[in-house]
Amino acid sequence: MTPLLVTVTEAAQALAISRSKLYQLIASGALDSVRIEGSRRIPMSALHDYIARLSTKEIAA
């Protein structure tokens, strides 16, 4: 079963970026996240949406 939520570290690894860059994306609103009892998690759908937006910007440029 594919997880619905991943940790910040897992999300950063999936995007091949640093954890600090991932936190910047969250803070800027570019990447959605949720908190579950103090733990930050990233929905897999948010990662897919973020990549899709990047792809759309690349095509438009």
PDB file of N, CA and C in Angstrom:
ATOM      1  N   MET A   1       0.847  -1.178   0.000  1.00  0.00           N
ATOM      2  CA  MET A   1       0.000   0.000   0.000  1.00  0.00           C
ATOM      3  C   MET A   1       0.894   1.243   0.000  1.00  0.00           C
ATOM      4  N   THR A   2       0.597   2.178  -0.859  1.00  0.00           N
ATOM      5  CA  THR A   2       1.334   3.436  -0.927  1.00  0.00           C
ATOM      6  C   THR A   2       0.869   4.343   0.208  1.00  0.00           C
ATOM      7  N   PRO A   3       1.812   4.944   0.945  1.00  0.00           N
ATOM      8  CA  PRO A   3       1.406   5.816   2.055  1.00  0.00           C
ATOM      9  C   PRO A   3       0.721   7.082   1.543  1.00  0.00           C
ATOM     10  N   LEU A   4      -0.249   7.553   2.301  1.00  0.00           N
ATOM     11  CA  LEU A   4      -0.942   8.795   1.955  1.00  0.00           C
ATOM     12  C   LEU A   4      -0.147  10.010   2.418  1.00  0.00           C
ATOM     13  N   LEU A   5       0.605   9.844   3.510  1.00  0.00           N
ATOM     14  CA  LEU A   5       1.405  10.924   4.083  1.00  0.00           C
ATOM     15  C   LEU A   5       2.841  10.447   4.240  1.00  0.00           C
ATOM     16  N   VAL A   6       3.789  11.372   4.050  1.00  0.00           N
ATOM     17  CA  VAL A   6       5.195  11.051   4.265  1.00  0.00           C
ATOM     18  C   VAL A   6       5.808  12.092   5.189  1.00  0.00           C
ATOM     19  N   THR A   7       6.931  11.757   5.791  1.00  0.00           N
ATOM     20  CA  THR A   7       7.624  12.694   6.661  1.00  0.00           C
ATOM     21  C   THR A   7       8.327  13.752   5.813  1.00  0.00           C
ATOM     22  N   VAL A   8       8.780  14.795   6.480  1.00  0.00           N
ATOM     23  CA  VAL A   8       9.520  15.854   5.786  1.00  0.00           C
ATOM     24  C   VAL A   8      10.772  15.268   5.134  1.00  0.00           C
ATOM     25  N   THR A   9      11.474  14.412   5.844  1.00  0.00           N
ATOM     26  CA  THR A   9      12.684  13.795   5.299  1.00  0.00           C
ATOM     27  C   THR A   9      12.369  12.963   4.061  1.00  0.00           C
ATOM     28  N   GLU A  10      11.309  12.171   4.140  1.00  0.00           N
ATOM     29  CA  GLU A  10      10.924  11.344   2.989  1.00  0.00           C
ATOM     30  C   GLU A  10      10.511  12.202   1.803  1.00  0.00           C
ATOM     31  N   ALA A  11       9.774  13.277   2.061  1.00  0.00           N
ATOM     32  CA  ALA A  11       9.345  14.173   0.985  1.00  0.00           C
ATOM     33  C   ALA A  11      10.546  14.861   0.347  1.00  0.00           C
ATOM     34  N   ALA A  12      11.488  15.305   1.172  1.00  0.00           N
ATOM     35  CA  ALA A  12      12.694  15.950   0.648  1.00  0.00           C
ATOM     36  C   ALA A  12      13.487  14.975  -0.217  1.00  0.00           C
ATOM     37  N   GLN A  13      13.611  13.744   0.233  1.00  0.00           N
ATOM     38  CA  GLN A  13      14.310  12.728  -0.551  1.00  0.00           C
ATOM     39  C   GLN A  13      13.591  12.468  -1.874  1.00  0.00           C
ATOM     40  N   ALA A  14      12.271  12.408  -1.832  1.00  0.00           N
ATOM     41  CA  ALA A  14      11.495  12.150  -3.042  1.00  0.00           C
ATOM     42  C   ALA A  14      11.677  13.265  -4.076  1.00  0.00           C
ATOM     43  N   LEU A  15      11.837  14.507  -3.595  1.00  0.00           N
ATOM     44  CA  LEU A  15      12.022  15.648  -4.491  1.00  0.00           C
ATOM     45  C   LEU A  15      13.496  15.929  -4.779  1.00  0.00           C
ATOM     46  N   ALA A  16      14.383  15.194  -4.125  1.00  0.00           N
ATOM     47  CA  ALA A  16      15.839  15.377  -4.272  1.00  0.00           C
ATOM     48  C   ALA A  16      16.262  16.789  -3.885  1.00  0.00           C
ATOM     49  N   ILE A  17      15.719  17.263  -2.753  1.00  0.00           N
ATOM     50  CA  ILE A  17      16.083  18.570  -2.205  1.00  0.00           C
ATOM     51  C   ILE A  17      16.394  18.399  -0.722  1.00  0.00           C
ATOM     52  N   SER A  18      16.929  19.449  -0.108  1.00  0.00           N
ATOM     53  CA  SER A  18      17.242  19.376   1.323  1.00  0.00           C
ATOM     54  C   SER A  18      15.984  19.560   2.159  1.00  0.00           C
ATOM     55  N   ARG A  19      16.074  19.151   3.419  1.00  0.00           N
ATOM     56  CA  ARG A  19      14.952  19.348   4.343  1.00  0.00           C
ATOM     57  C   ARG A  19      14.668  20.832   4.512  1.00  0.00           C
ATOM     58  N   SER A  20      15.716  21.655   4.589  1.00  0.00           N
ATOM     59  CA  SER A  20      15.499  23.094   4.783  1.00  0.00           C
ATOM     60  C   SER A  20      14.789  23.710   3.581  1.00  0.00           C
ATOM     61  N   LYS A  21      15.120  23.264   2.373  1.00  0.00           N
ATOM     62  CA  LYS A  21      14.417  23.756   1.176  1.00  0.00           C
ATOM     63  C   LYS A  21      12.962  23.320   1.214  1.00  0.00           C
ATOM     64  N   LEU A  22      12.700  22.111   1.670  1.00  0.00           N
ATOM     65  CA  LEU A  22      11.328  21.631   1.764  1.00  0.00           C
ATOM     66  C   LEU A  22      10.536  22.479   2.754  1.00  0.00           C
ATOM     67  N   TYR A  23      11.153  22.811   3.895  1.00  0.00           N
ATOM     68  CA  TYR A  23      10.483  23.678   4.872  1.00  0.00           C
ATOM     69  C   TYR A  23      10.217  25.064   4.272  1.00  0.00           C
ATOM     70  N   GLN A  24      11.113  25.554   3.427  1.00  0.00           N
ATOM     71  CA  GLN A  24      10.892  26.835   2.755  1.00  0.00           C
ATOM     72  C   GLN A  24       9.680  26.752   1.830  1.00  0.00           C
ATOM     73  N   LEU A  25       9.558  25.646   1.117  1.00  0.00           N
ATOM     74  CA  LEU A  25       8.404  25.455   0.230  1.00  0.00           C
ATOM     75  C   LEU A  25       7.101  25.416   1.025  1.00  0.00           C
ATOM     76  N   ILE A  26       7.128  24.782   2.181  1.00  0.00           N
ATOM     77  CA  ILE A  26       5.946  24.729   3.044  1.00  0.00           C
ATOM     78  C   ILE A  26       5.610  26.128   3.548  1.00  0.00           C
ATOM     79  N   ALA A  27       6.621  26.851   4.030  1.00  0.00           N
ATOM     80  CA  ALA A  27       6.409  28.194   4.586  1.00  0.00           C
ATOM     81  C   ALA A  27       5.891  29.168   3.535  1.00  0.00           C
ATOM     82  N   SER A  28       6.323  29.005   2.301  1.00  0.00           N
ATOM     83  CA  SER A  28       5.893  29.914   1.238  1.00  0.00           C
ATOM     84  C   SER A  28       4.504  29.566   0.695  1.00  0.00           C
ATOM     85  N   GLY A  29       3.993  28.402   1.075  1.00  0.00           N
ATOM     86  CA  GLY A  29       2.686  27.969   0.581  1.00  0.00           C
ATOM     87  C   GLY A  29       2.760  27.207  -0.727  1.00  0.00           C
ATOM     88  N   ALA A  30       3.973  26.958  -1.216  1.00  0.00           N
ATOM     89  CA  ALA A  30       4.136  26.239  -2.477  1.00  0.00           C
ATOM     90  C   ALA A  30       3.848  24.744  -2.328  1.00  0.00           C
ATOM     91  N   LEU A  31       3.974  24.246  -1.096  1.00  0.00           N
ATOM     92  CA  LEU A  31       3.755  22.828  -0.833  1.00  0.00           C
ATOM     93  C   LEU A  31       2.870  22.684   0.402  1.00  0.00           C
ATOM     94  N   ASP A  32       1.788  21.953   0.260  1.00  0.00           N
ATOM     95  CA  ASP A  32       0.862  21.743   1.379  1.00  0.00           C
ATOM     96  C   ASP A  32       1.415  20.715   2.356  1.00  0.00           C
ATOM     97  N   SER A  33       1.049  20.891   3.613  1.00  0.00           N
ATOM     98  CA  SER A  33       1.424  19.927   4.641  1.00  0.00           C
ATOM     99  C   SER A  33       0.360  19.935   5.724  1.00  0.00           C
ATOM    100  N   VAL A  34       0.424  18.932   6.573  1.00  0.00           N
ATOM    101  CA  VAL A  34      -0.502  18.832   7.701  1.00  0.00           C
ATOM    102  C   VAL A  34       0.296  18.532   8.961  1.00  0.00           C
ATOM    103  N   ARG A  35      -0.291  18.868  10.101  1.00  0.00           N
ATOM    104  CA  ARG A  35       0.314  18.523  11.391  1.00  0.00           C
ATOM    105  C   ARG A  35      -0.590  17.507  12.073  1.00  0.00           C
ATOM    106  N   ILE A  36       0.021  16.457  12.564  1.00  0.00           N
ATOM    107  CA  ILE A  36      -0.704  15.439  13.317  1.00  0.00           C
ATOM    108  C   ILE A  36      -0.013  15.338  14.666  1.00  0.00           C
ATOM    109  N   GLU A  37      -0.641  15.873  15.678  1.00  0.00           N
ATOM    110  CA  GLU A  37      -0.107  15.855  17.033  1.00  0.00           C
ATOM    111  C   GLU A  37       1.358  16.287  17.074  1.00  0.00           C
ATOM    112  N   GLY A  38       1.658  17.391  16.425  1.00  0.00           N
ATOM    113  CA  GLY A  38       3.003  17.951  16.458  1.00  0.00           C
ATOM    114  C   GLY A  38       3.940  17.442  15.390  1.00  0.00           C
ATOM    115  N   SER A  39       3.538  16.446  14.648  1.00  0.00           N
ATOM    116  CA  SER A  39       4.385  15.905  13.579  1.00  0.00           C
ATOM    117  C   SER A  39       3.945  16.462  12.235  1.00  0.00           C
ATOM    118  N   ARG A  40       4.886  17.003  11.494  1.00  0.00           N
ATOM    119  CA  ARG A  40       4.602  17.534  10.162  1.00  0.00           C
ATOM    120  C   ARG A  40       4.609  16.394   9.160  1.00  0.00           C
ATOM    121  N   ARG A  41       3.582  16.316   8.341  1.00  0.00           N
ATOM    122  CA  ARG A  41       3.490  15.296   7.297  1.00  0.00           C
ATOM    123  C   ARG A  41       3.093  15.967   5.983  1.00  0.00           C
ATOM    124  N   ILE A  42       3.548  15.363   4.899  1.00  0.00           N
ATOM    125  CA  ILE A  42       3.270  15.884   3.568  1.00  0.00           C
ATOM    126  C   ILE A  42       2.393  14.863   2.836  1.00  0.00           C
ATOM    127  N   PRO A  43       1.214  15.286   2.384  1.00  0.00           N
ATOM    128  CA  PRO A  43       0.385  14.366   1.600  1.00  0.00           C
ATOM    129  C   PRO A  43       1.070  14.039   0.268  1.00  0.00           C
ATOM    130  N   MET A  44       1.029  12.791  -0.137  1.00  0.00           N
ATOM    131  CA  MET A  44       1.605  12.417  -1.430  1.00  0.00           C
ATOM    132  C   MET A  44       0.958  13.214  -2.553  1.00  0.00           C
ATOM    133  N   SER A  45      -0.325  13.497  -2.420  1.00  0.00           N
ATOM    134  CA  SER A  45      -1.014  14.286  -3.448  1.00  0.00           C
ATOM    135  C   SER A  45      -0.413  15.685  -3.560  1.00  0.00           C
ATOM    136  N   ALA A  46       0.077  16.248  -2.447  1.00  0.00           N
ATOM    137  CA  ALA A  46       0.705  17.571  -2.477  1.00  0.00           C
ATOM    138  C   ALA A  46       2.014  17.522  -3.257  1.00  0.00           C
ATOM    139  N   LEU A  47       2.759  16.437  -3.114  1.00  0.00           N
ATOM    140  CA  LEU A  47       3.993  16.291  -3.888  1.00  0.00           C
ATOM    141  C   LEU A  47       3.701  16.203  -5.379  1.00  0.00           C
ATOM    142  N   HIS A  48       2.690  15.419  -5.735  1.00  0.00           N
ATOM    143  CA  HIS A  48       2.309  15.281  -7.143  1.00  0.00           C
ATOM    144  C   HIS A  48       1.813  16.616  -7.701  1.00  0.00           C
ATOM    145  N   ASP A  49       1.018  17.345  -6.925  1.00  0.00           N
ATOM    146  CA  ASP A  49       0.513  18.657  -7.359  1.00  0.00           C
ATOM    147  C   ASP A  49       1.655  19.642  -7.559  1.00  0.00           C
ATOM    148  N   TYR A  50       2.608  19.650  -6.638  1.00  0.00           N
ATOM    149  CA  TYR A  50       3.747  20.558  -6.735  1.00  0.00           C
ATOM    150  C   TYR A  50       4.553  20.272  -8.007  1.00  0.00           C
ATOM    151  N   ILE A  51       4.814  19.008  -8.268  1.00  0.00           N
ATOM    152  CA  ILE A  51       5.562  18.628  -9.475  1.00  0.00           C
ATOM    153  C   ILE A  51       4.791  19.015 -10.728  1.00  0.00           C
ATOM    154  N   ALA A  52       3.487  18.822 -10.715  1.00  0.00           N
ATOM    155  CA  ALA A  52       2.657  19.191 -11.866  1.00  0.00           C
ATOM    156  C   ALA A  52       2.720  20.703 -12.115  1.00  0.00           C
ATOM    157  N   ARG A  53       2.697  21.493 -11.039  1.00  0.00           N
ATOM    158  CA  ARG A  53       2.800  22.946 -11.201  1.00  0.00           C
ATOM    159  C   ARG A  53       4.159  23.342 -11.763  1.00  0.00           C
ATOM    160  N   LEU A  54       5.212  22.679 -11.313  1.00  0.00           N
ATOM    161  CA  LEU A  54       6.544  22.957 -11.852  1.00  0.00           C
ATOM    162  C   LEU A  54       6.599  22.624 -13.330  1.00  0.00           C
ATOM    163  N   SER A  55       6.020  21.500 -13.702  1.00  0.00           N
ATOM    164  CA  SER A  55       6.016  21.086 -15.108  1.00  0.00           C
ATOM    165  C   SER A  55       5.249  22.078 -15.964  1.00  0.00           C
ATOM    166  N   THR A  56       4.139  22.567 -15.463  1.00  0.00           N
ATOM    167  CA  THR A  56       3.329  23.534 -16.197  1.00  0.00           C
ATOM    168  C   THR A  56       4.097  24.835 -16.397  1.00  0.00           C
ATOM    169  N   LYS A  57       4.824  25.275 -15.354  1.00  0.00           N
ATOM    170  CA  LYS A  57       5.629  26.504 -15.468  1.00  0.00           C
ATOM    171  C   LYS A  57       6.744  26.320 -16.488  1.00  0.00           C
ATOM    172  N   GLU A  58       7.348  25.151 -16.537  1.00  0.00           N
ATOM    173  CA  GLU A  58       8.423  24.892 -17.485  1.00  0.00           C
ATOM    174  C   GLU A  58       7.896  24.929 -18.923  1.00  0.00           C
ATOM    175  N   ILE A  59       6.726  24.377 -19.129  1.00  0.00           N
ATOM    176  CA  ILE A  59       6.134  24.349 -20.479  1.00  0.00           C
ATOM    177  C   ILE A  59       5.768  25.772 -20.908  1.00  0.00           C
ATOM    178  N   ALA A  60       5.250  26.563 -19.970  1.00  0.00           N
ATOM    179  CA  ALA A  60       4.824  27.921 -20.280  1.00  0.00           C
ATOM    180  C   ALA A  60       6.015  28.859 -20.533  1.00  0.00           C
ATOM    181  N   ALA A  61       7.165  28.521 -19.973  1.00  0.00           N
ATOM    182  CA  ALA A  61       8.342  29.409 -20.111  1.00  0.00           C
ATOM    183  C   ALA A  61       9.009  29.320 -21.462  1.00  0.00           C
TER     184      ALA A  61
END
